[in-house]
Amino acid sequence: KALDFLGCENVITSDSAVIDSASHIILPGVG
């Protein structure tokens, strides 16, 4: 939602190929 607000194209993914091809990567986490 924060990235959407900033107008930044983004995707939530667990696909290694998508992660490898992305220009930027975020590793979030709670727990």
PDB file of all heavy atoms in Angstrom:
ATOM      1  N   LYS A   1       0.831  -1.208   0.000  1.00  0.00           N
ATOM      2  CA  LYS A   1       0.000   0.000   0.000  1.00  0.00           C
ATOM      3  C   LYS A   1       0.864   1.256   0.000  1.00  0.00           C
ATOM      4  O   LYS A   1       0.533   2.245  -0.666  1.00  0.00           O
ATOM      5  CB  LYS A   1      -0.935  -0.004   1.205  1.00  0.00           C
ATOM      6  CG  LYS A   1      -2.104  -0.970   1.068  1.00  0.00           C
ATOM      7  CD  LYS A   1      -2.989  -0.937   2.307  1.00  0.00           C
ATOM      8  CE  LYS A   1      -4.142  -1.929   2.183  1.00  0.00           C
ATOM      9  NZ  LYS A   1      -4.982  -1.943   3.418  1.00  0.00           N
ATOM     10  N   ALA A   2       1.962   1.241   0.749  1.00  0.00           N
ATOM     11  CA  ALA A   2       2.855   2.397   0.777  1.00  0.00           C
ATOM     12  C   ALA A   2       3.488   2.623  -0.598  1.00  0.00           C
ATOM     13  O   ALA A   2       3.572   3.757  -1.076  1.00  0.00           O
ATOM     14  CB  ALA A   2       3.936   2.210   1.843  1.00  0.00           C
ATOM     15  N   LEU A   3       3.905   1.546  -1.242  1.00  0.00           N
ATOM     16  CA  LEU A   3       4.502   1.673  -2.582  1.00  0.00           C
ATOM     17  C   LEU A   3       3.463   2.110  -3.598  1.00  0.00           C
ATOM     18  O   LEU A   3       3.753   2.920  -4.490  1.00  0.00           O
ATOM     19  CB  LEU A   3       5.146   0.349  -2.996  1.00  0.00           C
ATOM     20  CG  LEU A   3       6.351  -0.097  -2.162  1.00  0.00           C
ATOM     21  CD1 LEU A   3       6.853  -1.458  -2.646  1.00  0.00           C
ATOM     22  CD2 LEU A   3       7.475   0.921  -2.223  1.00  0.00           C
ATOM     23  N   ASP A   4       2.242   1.577  -3.466  1.00  0.00           N
ATOM     24  CA  ASP A   4       1.157   2.012  -4.352  1.00  0.00           C
ATOM     25  C   ASP A   4       0.922   3.518  -4.200  1.00  0.00           C
ATOM     26  O   ASP A   4       0.729   4.229  -5.191  1.00  0.00           O
ATOM     27  CB  ASP A   4      -0.141   1.264  -4.028  1.00  0.00           C
ATOM     28  CG  ASP A   4      -0.116  -0.201  -4.447  1.00  0.00           C
ATOM     29  OD1 ASP A   4       0.770  -0.585  -5.241  1.00  0.00           O
ATOM     30  OD2 ASP A   4      -0.987  -0.961  -3.970  1.00  0.00           O
ATOM     31  N   PHE A   5       0.941   3.990  -2.959  1.00  0.00           N
ATOM     32  CA  PHE A   5       0.724   5.416  -2.685  1.00  0.00           C
ATOM     33  C   PHE A   5       1.799   6.266  -3.365  1.00  0.00           C
ATOM     34  O   PHE A   5       1.521   7.376  -3.845  1.00  0.00           O
ATOM     35  CB  PHE A   5       0.729   5.670  -1.178  1.00  0.00           C
ATOM     36  CG  PHE A   5       0.485   7.093  -0.798  1.00  0.00           C
ATOM     37  CD1 PHE A   5      -0.800   7.597  -0.710  1.00  0.00           C
ATOM     38  CD2 PHE A   5       1.559   7.956  -0.525  1.00  0.00           C
ATOM     39  CE1 PHE A   5      -1.032   8.928  -0.360  1.00  0.00           C
ATOM     40  CE2 PHE A   5       1.342   9.276  -0.181  1.00  0.00           C
ATOM     41  CZ  PHE A   5       0.041   9.762  -0.098  1.00  0.00           C
ATOM     42  N   LEU A   6       3.014   5.728  -3.408  1.00  0.00           N
ATOM     43  CA  LEU A   6       4.132   6.438  -4.046  1.00  0.00           C
ATOM     44  C   LEU A   6       4.117   6.308  -5.561  1.00  0.00           C
ATOM     45  O   LEU A   6       4.968   6.890  -6.244  1.00  0.00           O
ATOM     46  CB  LEU A   6       5.467   5.921  -3.492  1.00  0.00           C
ATOM     47  CG  LEU A   6       5.762   6.253  -2.030  1.00  0.00           C
ATOM     48  CD1 LEU A   6       6.967   5.454  -1.536  1.00  0.00           C
ATOM     49  CD2 LEU A   6       5.997   7.746  -1.846  1.00  0.00           C
ATOM     50  N   GLY A   7       3.151   5.543  -6.092  1.00  0.00           N
ATOM     51  CA  GLY A   7       3.046   5.355  -7.535  1.00  0.00           C
ATOM     52  C   GLY A   7       4.097   4.423  -8.100  1.00  0.00           C
ATOM     53  O   GLY A   7       4.439   4.504  -9.291  1.00  0.00           O
ATOM     54  N   CYS A   8       4.591   3.526  -7.270  1.00  0.00           N
ATOM     55  CA  CYS A   8       5.668   2.619  -7.674  1.00  0.00           C
ATOM     56  C   CYS A   8       5.103   1.253  -8.066  1.00  0.00           C
ATOM     57  O   CYS A   8       4.360   0.634  -7.297  1.00  0.00           O
ATOM     58  CB  CYS A   8       6.651   2.460  -6.518  1.00  0.00           C
ATOM     59  SG  CYS A   8       7.929   1.251  -6.804  1.00  0.00           S
ATOM     60  N   GLU A   9       5.458   0.776  -9.242  1.00  0.00           N
ATOM     61  CA  GLU A   9       5.038  -0.560  -9.670  1.00  0.00           C
ATOM     62  C   GLU A   9       5.657  -1.598  -8.735  1.00  0.00           C
ATOM     63  O   GLU A   9       6.861  -1.563  -8.456  1.00  0.00           O
ATOM     64  CB  GLU A   9       5.485  -0.829 -11.105  1.00  0.00           C
ATOM     65  CG  GLU A   9       5.048  -2.184 -11.652  1.00  0.00           C
ATOM     66  CD  GLU A   9       5.568  -2.459 -13.040  1.00  0.00           C
ATOM     67  OE1 GLU A   9       6.319  -1.619 -13.573  1.00  0.00           O
ATOM     68  OE2 GLU A   9       5.254  -3.532 -13.587  1.00  0.00           O
ATOM     69  N   ASN A  10       4.832  -2.509  -8.228  1.00  0.00           N
ATOM     70  CA  ASN A  10       5.345  -3.496  -7.292  1.00  0.00           C
ATOM     71  C   ASN A  10       4.510  -4.761  -7.347  1.00  0.00           C
ATOM     72  O   ASN A  10       3.368  -4.754  -7.827  1.00  0.00           O
ATOM     73  CB  ASN A  10       5.361  -2.927  -5.869  1.00  0.00           C
ATOM     74  CG  ASN A  10       3.977  -2.629  -5.336  1.00  0.00           C
ATOM     75  OD1 ASN A  10       3.326  -3.480  -4.731  1.00  0.00           O
ATOM     76  ND2 ASN A  10       3.480  -1.404  -5.575  1.00  0.00           N
ATOM     77  N   VAL A  11       5.081  -5.847  -6.838  1.00  0.00           N
ATOM     78  CA  VAL A  11       4.376  -7.123  -6.814  1.00  0.00           C
ATOM     79  C   VAL A  11       4.810  -7.910  -5.590  1.00  0.00           C
ATOM     80  O   VAL A  11       5.981  -7.882  -5.204  1.00  0.00           O
ATOM     81  CB  VAL A  11       4.652  -7.930  -8.106  1.00  0.00           C
ATOM     82  CG1 VAL A  11       6.135  -8.269  -8.243  1.00  0.00           C
ATOM     83  CG2 VAL A  11       3.821  -9.216  -8.141  1.00  0.00           C
ATOM     84  N   ILE A  12       3.862  -8.568  -4.945  1.00  0.00           N
ATOM     85  CA  ILE A  12       4.160  -9.519  -3.872  1.00  0.00           C
ATOM     86  C   ILE A  12       4.387 -10.866  -4.509  1.00  0.00           C
ATOM     87  O   ILE A  12       3.529 -11.364  -5.257  1.00  0.00           O
ATOM     88  CB  ILE A  12       3.005  -9.585  -2.862  1.00  0.00           C
ATOM     89  CG1 ILE A  12       2.853  -8.247  -2.134  1.00  0.00           C
ATOM     90  CG2 ILE A  12       3.236 -10.706  -1.843  1.00  0.00           C
ATOM     91  CD1 ILE A  12       1.620  -8.155  -1.258  1.00  0.00           C
ATOM     92  N   THR A  13       5.532 -11.485  -4.271  1.00  0.00           N
ATOM     93  CA  THR A  13       5.854 -12.710  -4.989  1.00  0.00           C
ATOM     94  C   THR A  13       6.772 -13.633  -4.195  1.00  0.00           C
ATOM     95  O   THR A  13       7.573 -13.181  -3.383  1.00  0.00           O
ATOM     96  CB  THR A  13       6.528 -12.368  -6.341  1.00  0.00           C
ATOM     97  OG1 THR A  13       6.789 -13.575  -7.075  1.00  0.00           O
ATOM     98  CG2 THR A  13       7.850 -11.627  -6.130  1.00  0.00           C
ATOM     99  N   SER A  14       6.651 -14.927  -4.451  1.00  0.00           N
ATOM    100  CA  SER A  14       7.601 -15.919  -3.944  1.00  0.00           C
ATOM    101  C   SER A  14       8.287 -16.624  -5.114  1.00  0.00           C
ATOM    102  O   SER A  14       8.944 -17.654  -4.925  1.00  0.00           O
ATOM    103  CB  SER A  14       6.886 -16.937  -3.058  1.00  0.00           C
ATOM    104  OG  SER A  14       5.837 -17.571  -3.766  1.00  0.00           O
ATOM    105  N   ASP A  15       8.147 -16.069  -6.316  1.00  0.00           N
ATOM    106  CA  ASP A  15       8.715 -16.637  -7.537  1.00  0.00           C
ATOM    107  C   ASP A  15      10.144 -16.131  -7.713  1.00  0.00           C
ATOM    108  O   ASP A  15      10.373 -14.931  -7.884  1.00  0.00           O
ATOM    109  CB  ASP A  15       7.848 -16.230  -8.732  1.00  0.00           C
ATOM    110  CG  ASP A  15       8.273 -16.897 -10.029  1.00  0.00           C
ATOM    111  OD1 ASP A  15       9.486 -17.071 -10.251  1.00  0.00           O
ATOM    112  OD2 ASP A  15       7.376 -17.219 -10.838  1.00  0.00           O
ATOM    113  N   SER A  16      11.103 -17.041  -7.667  1.00  0.00           N
ATOM    114  CA  SER A  16      12.510 -16.646  -7.764  1.00  0.00           C
ATOM    115  C   SER A  16      12.812 -15.907  -9.058  1.00  0.00           C
ATOM    116  O   SER A  16      13.610 -14.953  -9.063  1.00  0.00           O
ATOM    117  CB  SER A  16      13.410 -17.878  -7.649  1.00  0.00           C
ATOM    118  OG  SER A  16      13.382 -18.408  -6.340  1.00  0.00           O
ATOM    119  N   ALA A  17      12.187 -16.323 -10.162  1.00  0.00           N
ATOM    120  CA  ALA A  17      12.446 -15.665 -11.446  1.00  0.00           C
ATOM    121  C   ALA A  17      11.978 -14.218 -11.418  1.00  0.00           C
ATOM    122  O   ALA A  17      12.651 -13.324 -11.955  1.00  0.00           O
ATOM    123  CB  ALA A  17      11.752 -16.423 -12.576  1.00  0.00           C
ATOM    124  N   VAL A  18      10.833 -13.963 -10.787  1.00  0.00           N
ATOM    125  CA  VAL A  18      10.323 -12.593 -10.679  1.00  0.00           C
ATOM    126  C   VAL A  18      11.236 -11.758  -9.784  1.00  0.00           C
ATOM    127  O   VAL A  18      11.557 -10.604 -10.101  1.00  0.00           O
ATOM    128  CB  VAL A  18       8.878 -12.593 -10.130  1.00  0.00           C
ATOM    129  CG1 VAL A  18       8.399 -11.170  -9.862  1.00  0.00           C
ATOM    130  CG2 VAL A  18       7.938 -13.294 -11.099  1.00  0.00           C
ATOM    131  N   ILE A  19      11.663 -12.334  -8.682  1.00  0.00           N
ATOM    132  CA  ILE A  19      12.568 -11.627  -7.767  1.00  0.00           C
ATOM    133  C   ILE A  19      13.885 -11.308  -8.469  1.00  0.00           C
ATOM    134  O   ILE A  19      14.402 -10.193  -8.380  1.00  0.00           O
ATOM    135  CB  ILE A  19      12.808 -12.456  -6.495  1.00  0.00           C
ATOM    136  CG1 ILE A  19      11.492 -12.635  -5.725  1.00  0.00           C
ATOM    137  CG2 ILE A  19      13.872 -11.798  -5.603  1.00  0.00           C
ATOM    138  CD1 ILE A  19      11.542 -13.688  -4.643  1.00  0.00           C
ATOM    139  N   ASP A  20      14.418 -12.275  -9.211  1.00  0.00           N
ATOM    140  CA  ASP A  20      15.686 -12.078  -9.921  1.00  0.00           C
ATOM    141  C   ASP A  20      15.586 -10.961 -10.957  1.00  0.00           C
ATOM    142  O   ASP A  20      16.558 -10.243 -11.209  1.00  0.00           O
ATOM    143  CB  ASP A  20      16.120 -13.372 -10.610  1.00  0.00           C
ATOM    144  CG  ASP A  20      16.683 -14.412  -9.657  1.00  0.00           C
ATOM    145  OD1 ASP A  20      17.093 -14.036  -8.538  1.00  0.00           O
ATOM    146  OD2 ASP A  20      16.711 -15.601 -10.020  1.00  0.00           O
ATOM    147  N   SER A  21      14.412 -10.827 -11.579  1.00  0.00           N
ATOM    148  CA  SER A  21      14.265  -9.854 -12.657  1.00  0.00           C
ATOM    149  C   SER A  21      13.846  -8.464 -12.170  1.00  0.00           C
ATOM    150  O   SER A  21      13.870  -7.502 -12.950  1.00  0.00           O
ATOM    151  CB  SER A  21      13.239 -10.361 -13.677  1.00  0.00           C
ATOM    152  OG  SER A  21      11.950 -10.434 -13.101  1.00  0.00           O
ATOM    153  N   ALA A  22      13.463  -8.343 -10.903  1.00  0.00           N
ATOM    154  CA  ALA A  22      13.012  -7.063 -10.369  1.00  0.00           C
ATOM    155  C   ALA A  22      14.173  -6.069 -10.290  1.00  0.00           C
ATOM    156  O   ALA A  22      15.333  -6.458 -10.123  1.00  0.00           O
ATOM    157  CB  ALA A  22      12.402  -7.254  -8.987  1.00  0.00           C
ATOM    158  N   SER A  23      13.847  -4.781 -10.390  1.00  0.00           N
ATOM    159  CA  SER A  23      14.877  -3.748 -10.272  1.00  0.00           C
ATOM    160  C   SER A  23      15.227  -3.462  -8.817  1.00  0.00           C
ATOM    161  O   SER A  23      16.347  -3.059  -8.498  1.00  0.00           O
ATOM    162  CB  SER A  23      14.408  -2.458 -10.950  1.00  0.00           C
ATOM    163  OG  SER A  23      13.246  -1.950 -10.314  1.00  0.00           O
ATOM    164  N   HIS A  24      14.246  -3.638  -7.916  1.00  0.00           N
ATOM    165  CA  HIS A  24      14.407  -3.402  -6.480  1.00  0.00           C
ATOM    166  C   HIS A  24      13.733  -4.546  -5.724  1.00  0.00           C
ATOM    167  O   HIS A  24      12.726  -5.086  -6.194  1.00  0.00           O
ATOM    168  CB  HIS A  24      13.728  -2.100  -6.051  1.00  0.00           C
ATOM    169  CG  HIS A  24      14.304  -0.865  -6.653  1.00  0.00           C
ATOM    170  ND1 HIS A  24      14.277  -0.614  -8.013  1.00  0.00           N
ATOM    171  CD2 HIS A  24      14.905   0.223  -6.072  1.00  0.00           C
ATOM    172  CE1 HIS A  24      14.849   0.566  -8.244  1.00  0.00           C
ATOM    173  NE2 HIS A  24      15.237   1.097  -7.091  1.00  0.00           N
ATOM    174  N   ILE A  25      14.261  -4.889  -4.558  1.00  0.00           N
ATOM    175  CA  ILE A  25      13.701  -5.994  -3.772  1.00  0.00           C
ATOM    176  C   ILE A  25      13.519  -5.544  -2.334  1.00  0.00           C
ATOM    177  O   ILE A  25      14.393  -4.884  -1.753  1.00  0.00           O
ATOM    178  CB  ILE A  25      14.614  -7.237  -3.804  1.00  0.00           C
ATOM    179  CG1 ILE A  25      14.732  -7.775  -5.231  1.00  0.00           C
ATOM    180  CG2 ILE A  25      14.084  -8.332  -2.898  1.00  0.00           C
ATOM    181  CD1 ILE A  25      15.953  -7.326  -5.948  1.00  0.00           C
ATOM    182  N   ILE A  26      12.360  -5.912  -1.755  1.00  0.00           N
ATOM    183  CA  ILE A  26      12.097  -5.668  -0.335  1.00  0.00           C
ATOM    184  C   ILE A  26      11.856  -6.997   0.365  1.00  0.00           C
ATOM    185  O   ILE A  26      11.074  -7.829  -0.114  1.00  0.00           O
ATOM    186  CB  ILE A  26      10.883  -4.744  -0.135  1.00  0.00           C
ATOM    187  CG1 ILE A  26      11.190  -3.343  -0.657  1.00  0.00           C
ATOM    188  CG2 ILE A  26      10.494  -4.671   1.344  1.00  0.00           C
ATOM    189  CD1 ILE A  26      10.047  -2.348  -0.520  1.00  0.00           C
ATOM    190  N   LEU A  27      12.531  -7.195   1.493  1.00  0.00           N
ATOM    191  CA  LEU A  27      12.336  -8.367   2.346  1.00  0.00           C
ATOM    192  C   LEU A  27      11.668  -7.892   3.627  1.00  0.00           C
ATOM    193  O   LEU A  27      12.323  -7.367   4.526  1.00  0.00           O
ATOM    194  CB  LEU A  27      13.675  -9.034   2.671  1.00  0.00           C
ATOM    195  CG  LEU A  27      13.621 -10.256   3.597  1.00  0.00           C
ATOM    196  CD1 LEU A  27      12.935 -11.428   2.895  1.00  0.00           C
ATOM    197  CD2 LEU A  27      15.030 -10.656   4.036  1.00  0.00           C
ATOM    198  N   PRO A  28      10.339  -8.026   3.717  1.00  0.00           N
ATOM    199  CA  PRO A  28       9.635  -7.601   4.929  1.00  0.00           C
ATOM    200  C   PRO A  28       9.612  -8.732   5.956  1.00  0.00           C
ATOM    201  O   PRO A  28      10.225  -9.786   5.742  1.00  0.00           O
ATOM    202  CB  PRO A  28       8.232  -7.296   4.412  1.00  0.00           C
ATOM    203  CG  PRO A  28       8.052  -8.270   3.284  1.00  0.00           C
ATOM    204  CD  PRO A  28       9.422  -8.556   2.714  1.00  0.00           C
ATOM    205  N   GLY A  29       8.896  -8.538   7.052  1.00  0.00           N
ATOM    206  CA  GLY A  29       8.767  -9.643   7.990  1.00  0.00           C
ATOM    207  C   GLY A  29       8.332  -9.242   9.373  1.00  0.00           C
ATOM    208  O   GLY A  29       8.757  -8.216   9.897  1.00  0.00           O
ATOM    209  N   VAL A  30       7.469 -10.038   9.932  1.00  0.00           N
ATOM    210  CA  VAL A  30       7.125  -9.991  11.350  1.00  0.00           C
ATOM    211  C   VAL A  30       7.076 -11.432  11.827  1.00  0.00           C
ATOM    212  O   VAL A  30       6.885 -12.348  11.036  1.00  0.00           O
ATOM    213  CB  VAL A  30       5.763  -9.292  11.594  1.00  0.00           C
ATOM    214  CG1 VAL A  30       5.831  -7.834  11.208  1.00  0.00           C
ATOM    215  CG2 VAL A  30       4.641  -9.988  10.839  1.00  0.00           C
ATOM    216  N   GLY A  31       7.275 -11.648  13.124  1.00  0.00           N
ATOM    217  CA  GLY A  31       7.242 -13.012  13.636  1.00  0.00           C
ATOM    218  C   GLY A  31       8.603 -13.450  14.127  1.00  0.00           C
ATOM    219  O   GLY A  31       9.481 -12.627  14.394  1.00  0.00           O
TER     220      GLY A  31
END
